[in-house]
Amino acid sequence: MARKIVLTSGKGGVGKTTVTANLGANLAKLGFRVVLIDVDIGLNNLDVVLGIEDQVIFDIGDVILGKCRAKQALIQDRKISSLYVMPSCHSYDKVRVLGEHIRNVVDTLDKSFDYILIDCPAGVEAGFHRAVFSANEAIIVVTPHLSSIRDASKVLGLLNEYDLQSKGLVINRMRGDLLLSGEFMNIENIVRALNIPLLGVIPEDDAIGTSCSTGRFLNSVESARSFTLLSENIHNGSKKIFDCTYKYRGLFGYLKRNIKKKV
């Protein structure tokens, strides 16, 4: 049976889809069979982030309407053979999607994969509930900003209504220089505020934005390492957290922090 994990945030713009894509890629590189399911109906962009939008023939709406089988709607990644994507509908008019529909699709793929990652829409409306309805685990993606933390707290309250086996936290877009200078919320304070286990910290990195715009996976050593640790923590239950501050410590780190701040 697959581990069915929904990635959610509450607040939009925290990089949830990017985290979903790179987490899936890293789990696949570890040798697991992974499928990413985009359930952001009408506002989907997981296929764009992965650079496969030109390969889409069927989508999840077609599966729900019975126009194709679930496996026919899957797109295999060009470089990672054990990574697949099920794209979402481009329009709300195509089909009225319910939580039961998503669960049926997920259950159909259950025996064929080790991990099913469900990319949840932003907000806490119907789209959120139909995504969570199919999962048995949840990952909350936040940035180190108060508004993101507050929205995540509201999402956690809603997640408590579901019978989830686990809930974990990923802090995205963390800047080590601002963390050391006290301009970003302390990691320990974020974890304490949300009171769920920390699974990983992903640094702010221009390479992530570039990968999203070109449909390629990360080639930045720093960010790639942070996602590798996140993947290992999720699978093994380890607690190795990427240190975003390492290159800003010491004399040279101090100079780098001040140069970056001026730039």
Protein backbone atom coordinates (compact mmCIF):
# COMPACT_ATOMS: atom_id res chain seq x y z
CA MET A 1 0.00 0.00 0.00
CA ALA A 2 1.13 3.51 -0.81
CA ARG A 3 1.65 6.28 1.70
CA LYS A 4 -0.89 8.93 0.74
CA ILE A 5 0.39 12.37 1.71
CA VAL A 6 -1.41 15.65 1.10
CA LEU A 7 0.73 18.81 0.97
CA THR A 8 -1.17 21.86 2.11
CA SER A 9 -0.50 25.34 3.40
CA GLY A 10 -3.62 27.43 3.89
CA LYS A 11 -1.88 30.49 2.47
CA GLY A 12 -1.03 30.62 -1.22
CA GLY A 13 2.40 31.57 -2.52
CA VAL A 14 4.48 29.57 -0.02
CA GLY A 15 5.95 27.28 -2.69
CA LYS A 16 3.80 24.23 -1.92
CA THR A 17 3.69 22.95 -5.51
CA THR A 18 7.46 23.35 -5.86
CA VAL A 19 7.97 21.41 -2.63
CA THR A 20 5.61 18.69 -3.90
CA ALA A 21 7.49 18.36 -7.19
CA ASN A 22 10.98 18.25 -5.69
CA LEU A 23 9.97 16.00 -2.81
CA GLY A 24 8.45 13.57 -5.29
CA ALA A 25 11.56 13.66 -7.46
CA ASN A 26 13.84 12.96 -4.50
CA LEU A 27 11.71 10.09 -3.22
CA ALA A 28 11.80 8.62 -6.72
CA LYS A 29 15.59 9.00 -6.84
CA LEU A 30 15.75 7.01 -3.61
CA GLY A 31 14.18 4.14 -5.53
CA PHE A 32 10.50 4.52 -4.69
CA ARG A 33 7.58 4.53 -7.11
CA VAL A 34 5.98 7.97 -6.77
CA VAL A 35 2.93 9.62 -8.30
CA LEU A 36 2.06 13.30 -7.90
CA ILE A 37 -1.63 14.16 -8.17
CA ASP A 38 -2.66 17.75 -8.84
CA VAL A 39 -6.09 18.46 -7.37
CA ASP A 40 -5.98 22.24 -7.76
CA ILE A 41 -8.87 22.25 -10.21
CA GLY A 42 -8.81 25.18 -12.64
CA LEU A 43 -5.61 26.68 -11.22
CA ASN A 44 -3.30 23.74 -11.72
CA ASN A 45 0.40 24.26 -12.41
CA LEU A 46 2.13 21.08 -11.28
CA ASP A 47 2.47 20.01 -14.92
CA VAL A 48 4.09 23.37 -15.70
CA VAL A 49 6.54 23.13 -12.79
CA LEU A 50 7.56 19.68 -14.01
CA GLY A 51 7.79 20.78 -17.64
CA ILE A 52 5.29 18.21 -18.93
CA GLU A 53 2.37 20.44 -19.93
CA ASP A 54 2.95 19.59 -23.60
CA GLN A 55 2.51 15.87 -22.83
CA VAL A 56 -0.94 16.11 -21.23
CA ILE A 57 -3.55 14.09 -23.13
CA PHE A 58 -5.86 13.01 -20.30
CA ASP A 59 -6.26 14.56 -16.86
CA ILE A 60 -7.92 13.70 -13.57
CA GLY A 61 -11.24 15.06 -14.86
CA ASP A 62 -11.18 12.53 -17.70
CA VAL A 63 -10.56 9.74 -15.19
CA ILE A 64 -13.48 10.87 -13.04
CA LEU A 65 -15.77 11.10 -16.09
CA GLY A 66 -14.74 7.60 -17.17
CA LYS A 67 -13.12 8.74 -20.41
CA CYS A 68 -9.92 6.91 -19.55
CA ARG A 69 -8.38 4.68 -16.90
CA ALA A 70 -6.31 6.24 -14.13
CA LYS A 71 -3.04 4.85 -15.51
CA GLN A 72 -3.79 6.32 -18.94
CA ALA A 73 -3.79 9.82 -17.43
CA LEU A 74 -0.37 9.36 -15.83
CA ILE A 75 2.66 11.06 -17.37
CA GLN A 76 6.05 9.51 -16.74
CA ASP A 77 8.90 11.92 -16.04
CA ARG A 78 11.44 12.07 -18.85
CA LYS A 79 14.47 11.67 -16.58
CA ILE A 80 13.18 9.79 -13.51
CA SER A 81 11.42 6.63 -14.64
CA SER A 82 9.74 5.90 -11.28
CA LEU A 83 8.12 9.36 -11.07
CA TYR A 84 4.65 9.95 -12.53
CA VAL A 85 2.23 12.86 -12.57
CA MET A 86 -1.54 13.00 -12.88
CA PRO A 87 -2.42 16.50 -14.10
CA SER A 88 -5.50 18.37 -13.00
CA CYS A 89 -8.34 19.86 -15.03
CA HIS A 90 -7.78 23.27 -16.59
CA SER A 91 -11.42 24.24 -16.07
CA TYR A 92 -14.07 23.98 -13.36
CA ASP A 93 -16.66 23.45 -16.11
CA LYS A 94 -15.26 20.09 -17.16
CA VAL A 95 -16.44 18.09 -14.16
CA ARG A 96 -17.73 18.65 -10.63
CA VAL A 97 -15.05 17.07 -8.49
CA LEU A 98 -15.90 15.68 -5.06
CA GLY A 99 -13.70 14.21 -2.36
CA GLU A 100 -15.07 10.76 -3.14
CA HIS A 101 -13.93 11.14 -6.76
CA ILE A 102 -10.36 11.95 -5.70
CA ARG A 103 -10.34 9.07 -3.23
CA ASN A 104 -11.45 6.63 -5.93
CA VAL A 105 -8.59 7.76 -8.16
CA VAL A 106 -6.09 7.50 -5.30
CA ASP A 107 -7.34 4.04 -4.31
CA THR A 108 -7.02 2.85 -7.90
CA LEU A 109 -3.32 3.79 -7.89
CA ASP A 110 -2.66 2.55 -4.37
CA LYS A 111 -1.05 -0.80 -5.19
CA SER A 112 1.10 0.53 -8.02
CA PHE A 113 3.05 3.12 -6.01
CA ASP A 114 4.98 3.55 -2.79
CA TYR A 115 4.10 7.23 -2.41
CA ILE A 116 1.10 9.23 -3.59
CA LEU A 117 1.66 12.97 -3.06
CA ILE A 118 -1.47 15.11 -3.35
CA ASP A 119 -0.91 18.77 -4.22
CA CYS A 120 -3.65 20.63 -2.35
CA PRO A 121 -5.12 23.98 -3.45
CA ALA A 122 -4.44 27.04 -1.32
CA GLY A 123 -7.14 28.15 1.11
CA VAL A 124 -9.54 26.15 3.25
CA GLU A 125 -12.52 25.88 0.93
CA ALA A 126 -13.97 22.84 -0.87
CA GLY A 127 -10.74 22.17 -2.77
CA PHE A 128 -8.84 21.76 0.50
CA HIS A 129 -11.33 19.26 1.87
CA ARG A 130 -11.51 17.09 -1.25
CA ALA A 131 -7.70 16.86 -1.28
CA VAL A 132 -7.37 15.96 2.41
CA PHE A 133 -10.24 13.46 2.18
CA SER A 134 -8.03 11.06 0.18
CA ALA A 135 -4.91 11.24 2.36
CA ASN A 136 -3.74 9.45 5.48
CA GLU A 137 -0.84 11.84 6.18
CA ALA A 138 -0.39 15.60 5.84
CA ILE A 139 2.57 17.93 5.35
CA ILE A 140 2.06 21.62 6.15
CA VAL A 141 4.27 23.95 4.09
CA VAL A 142 4.95 27.38 5.58
CA THR A 143 7.34 30.28 5.11
CA PRO A 144 8.93 32.08 8.09
CA HIS A 145 6.33 34.86 8.06
CA LEU A 146 3.62 35.50 10.62
CA SER A 147 0.78 35.45 8.07
CA SER A 148 1.86 32.02 6.83
CA ILE A 149 2.13 30.66 10.37
CA ARG A 150 -1.34 31.96 11.27
CA ASP A 151 -2.90 30.38 8.18
CA ALA A 152 -1.12 27.11 8.88
CA SER A 153 -2.53 27.12 12.41
CA LYS A 154 -6.05 27.39 10.97
CA VAL A 155 -5.33 24.55 8.56
CA LEU A 156 -4.12 22.36 11.43
CA GLY A 157 -7.42 22.92 13.19
CA LEU A 158 -9.25 21.64 10.11
CA LEU A 159 -6.89 18.69 9.69
CA ASN A 160 -7.77 17.55 13.20
CA GLU A 161 -11.24 16.73 11.85
CA TYR A 162 -9.71 14.00 9.67
CA ASP A 163 -8.35 10.62 10.71
CA LEU A 164 -4.74 11.29 9.68
CA GLN A 165 -1.92 9.07 10.84
CA SER A 166 0.60 11.92 11.01
CA LYS A 167 1.11 15.62 10.40
CA GLY A 168 4.49 17.21 9.75
CA LEU A 169 5.96 20.63 8.99
CA VAL A 170 8.18 21.92 6.18
CA ILE A 171 9.56 25.46 6.46
CA ASN A 172 10.22 26.78 2.96
CA ARG A 173 12.15 29.81 1.69
CA MET A 174 14.27 30.20 4.80
CA ARG A 175 17.11 32.72 4.52
CA GLY A 176 20.03 31.90 6.76
CA ASP A 177 21.33 35.47 6.87
CA LEU A 178 17.99 36.88 8.04
CA LEU A 179 17.58 34.02 10.50
CA LEU A 180 20.92 34.82 12.15
CA SER A 181 20.17 38.54 12.26
CA GLY A 182 16.80 37.93 13.92
CA GLU A 183 14.78 39.32 11.02
CA PHE A 184 13.10 35.95 10.37
CA MET A 185 11.13 33.95 12.89
CA ASN A 186 13.28 31.45 14.75
CA ILE A 187 12.77 27.84 13.58
CA GLU A 188 12.17 26.62 17.13
CA ASN A 189 9.48 29.28 17.63
CA ILE A 190 7.71 28.27 14.42
CA VAL A 191 7.69 24.62 15.47
CA ARG A 192 6.49 25.57 18.95
CA ALA A 193 3.69 27.73 17.54
CA LEU A 194 2.33 24.93 15.34
CA ASN A 195 3.21 22.05 17.66
CA ILE A 196 3.86 19.45 14.97
CA PRO A 197 7.11 17.64 14.08
CA LEU A 198 9.56 19.45 11.82
CA LEU A 199 10.32 17.39 8.72
CA GLY A 200 12.57 19.79 6.85
CA VAL A 201 13.82 23.29 6.15
CA ILE A 202 14.26 24.44 2.54
CA PRO A 203 16.50 27.46 1.86
CA GLU A 204 15.55 30.48 -0.21
CA ASP A 205 17.34 29.77 -3.47
CA ASP A 206 17.16 31.42 -6.91
CA ALA A 207 17.76 27.98 -8.41
CA ILE A 208 14.32 26.88 -7.20
CA GLY A 209 12.62 29.70 -9.10
CA THR A 210 14.68 28.90 -12.19
CA SER A 211 13.77 25.22 -12.01
CA CYS A 212 10.07 26.14 -11.83
CA SER A 213 10.26 28.39 -14.88
CA THR A 214 12.17 25.87 -16.98
CA GLY A 215 10.46 22.66 -15.88
CA ARG A 216 13.69 21.14 -14.59
CA PHE A 217 14.60 19.72 -11.20
CA LEU A 218 17.08 21.42 -8.92
CA ASN A 219 20.76 21.46 -9.78
CA SER A 220 21.67 23.63 -6.79
CA VAL A 221 23.72 21.59 -4.31
CA GLU A 222 22.26 23.46 -1.35
CA SER A 223 18.57 23.07 -2.19
CA ALA A 224 19.03 19.56 -3.54
CA ARG A 225 20.62 18.55 -0.24
CA SER A 226 17.73 20.04 1.76
CA PHE A 227 15.20 18.02 -0.27
CA THR A 228 17.28 14.85 0.08
CA LEU A 229 17.23 15.25 3.86
CA LEU A 230 13.48 15.96 3.78
CA SER A 231 12.86 12.78 1.75
CA GLU A 232 14.97 10.68 4.11
CA ASN A 233 13.22 12.12 7.15
CA ILE A 234 9.81 11.30 5.70
CA HIS A 235 10.75 7.75 4.76
CA ASN A 236 13.06 6.77 7.60
CA GLY A 237 11.74 8.91 10.41
CA SER A 238 15.16 10.52 10.79
CA LYS A 239 15.51 14.11 12.00
CA LYS A 240 18.31 15.62 9.93
CA ILE A 241 17.44 19.26 9.23
CA PHE A 242 19.31 21.33 6.65
CA ASP A 243 21.23 24.21 8.24
CA CYS A 244 20.48 27.36 6.25
CA THR A 245 22.86 29.42 8.35
CA TYR A 246 26.13 27.51 7.85
CA LYS A 247 27.55 29.78 5.14
CA TYR A 248 26.74 32.92 7.13
CA ARG A 249 28.69 31.96 10.25
CA GLY A 250 32.18 33.14 11.21
CA LEU A 251 34.01 36.19 9.88
CA PHE A 252 33.47 35.44 6.22
CA GLY A 253 29.84 34.61 6.90
CA TYR A 254 29.40 37.92 8.70
CA LEU A 255 30.84 39.80 5.72
CA LYS A 256 28.63 37.82 3.33
CA ARG A 257 25.53 38.66 5.40
CA ASN A 258 26.28 42.36 5.31
CA ILE A 259 27.08 42.38 1.58
CA LYS A 260 23.84 40.55 0.81
CA LYS A 261 21.87 42.96 2.97
CA LYS A 262 23.28 45.96 1.08
CA VAL A 263 22.59 44.32 -2.28
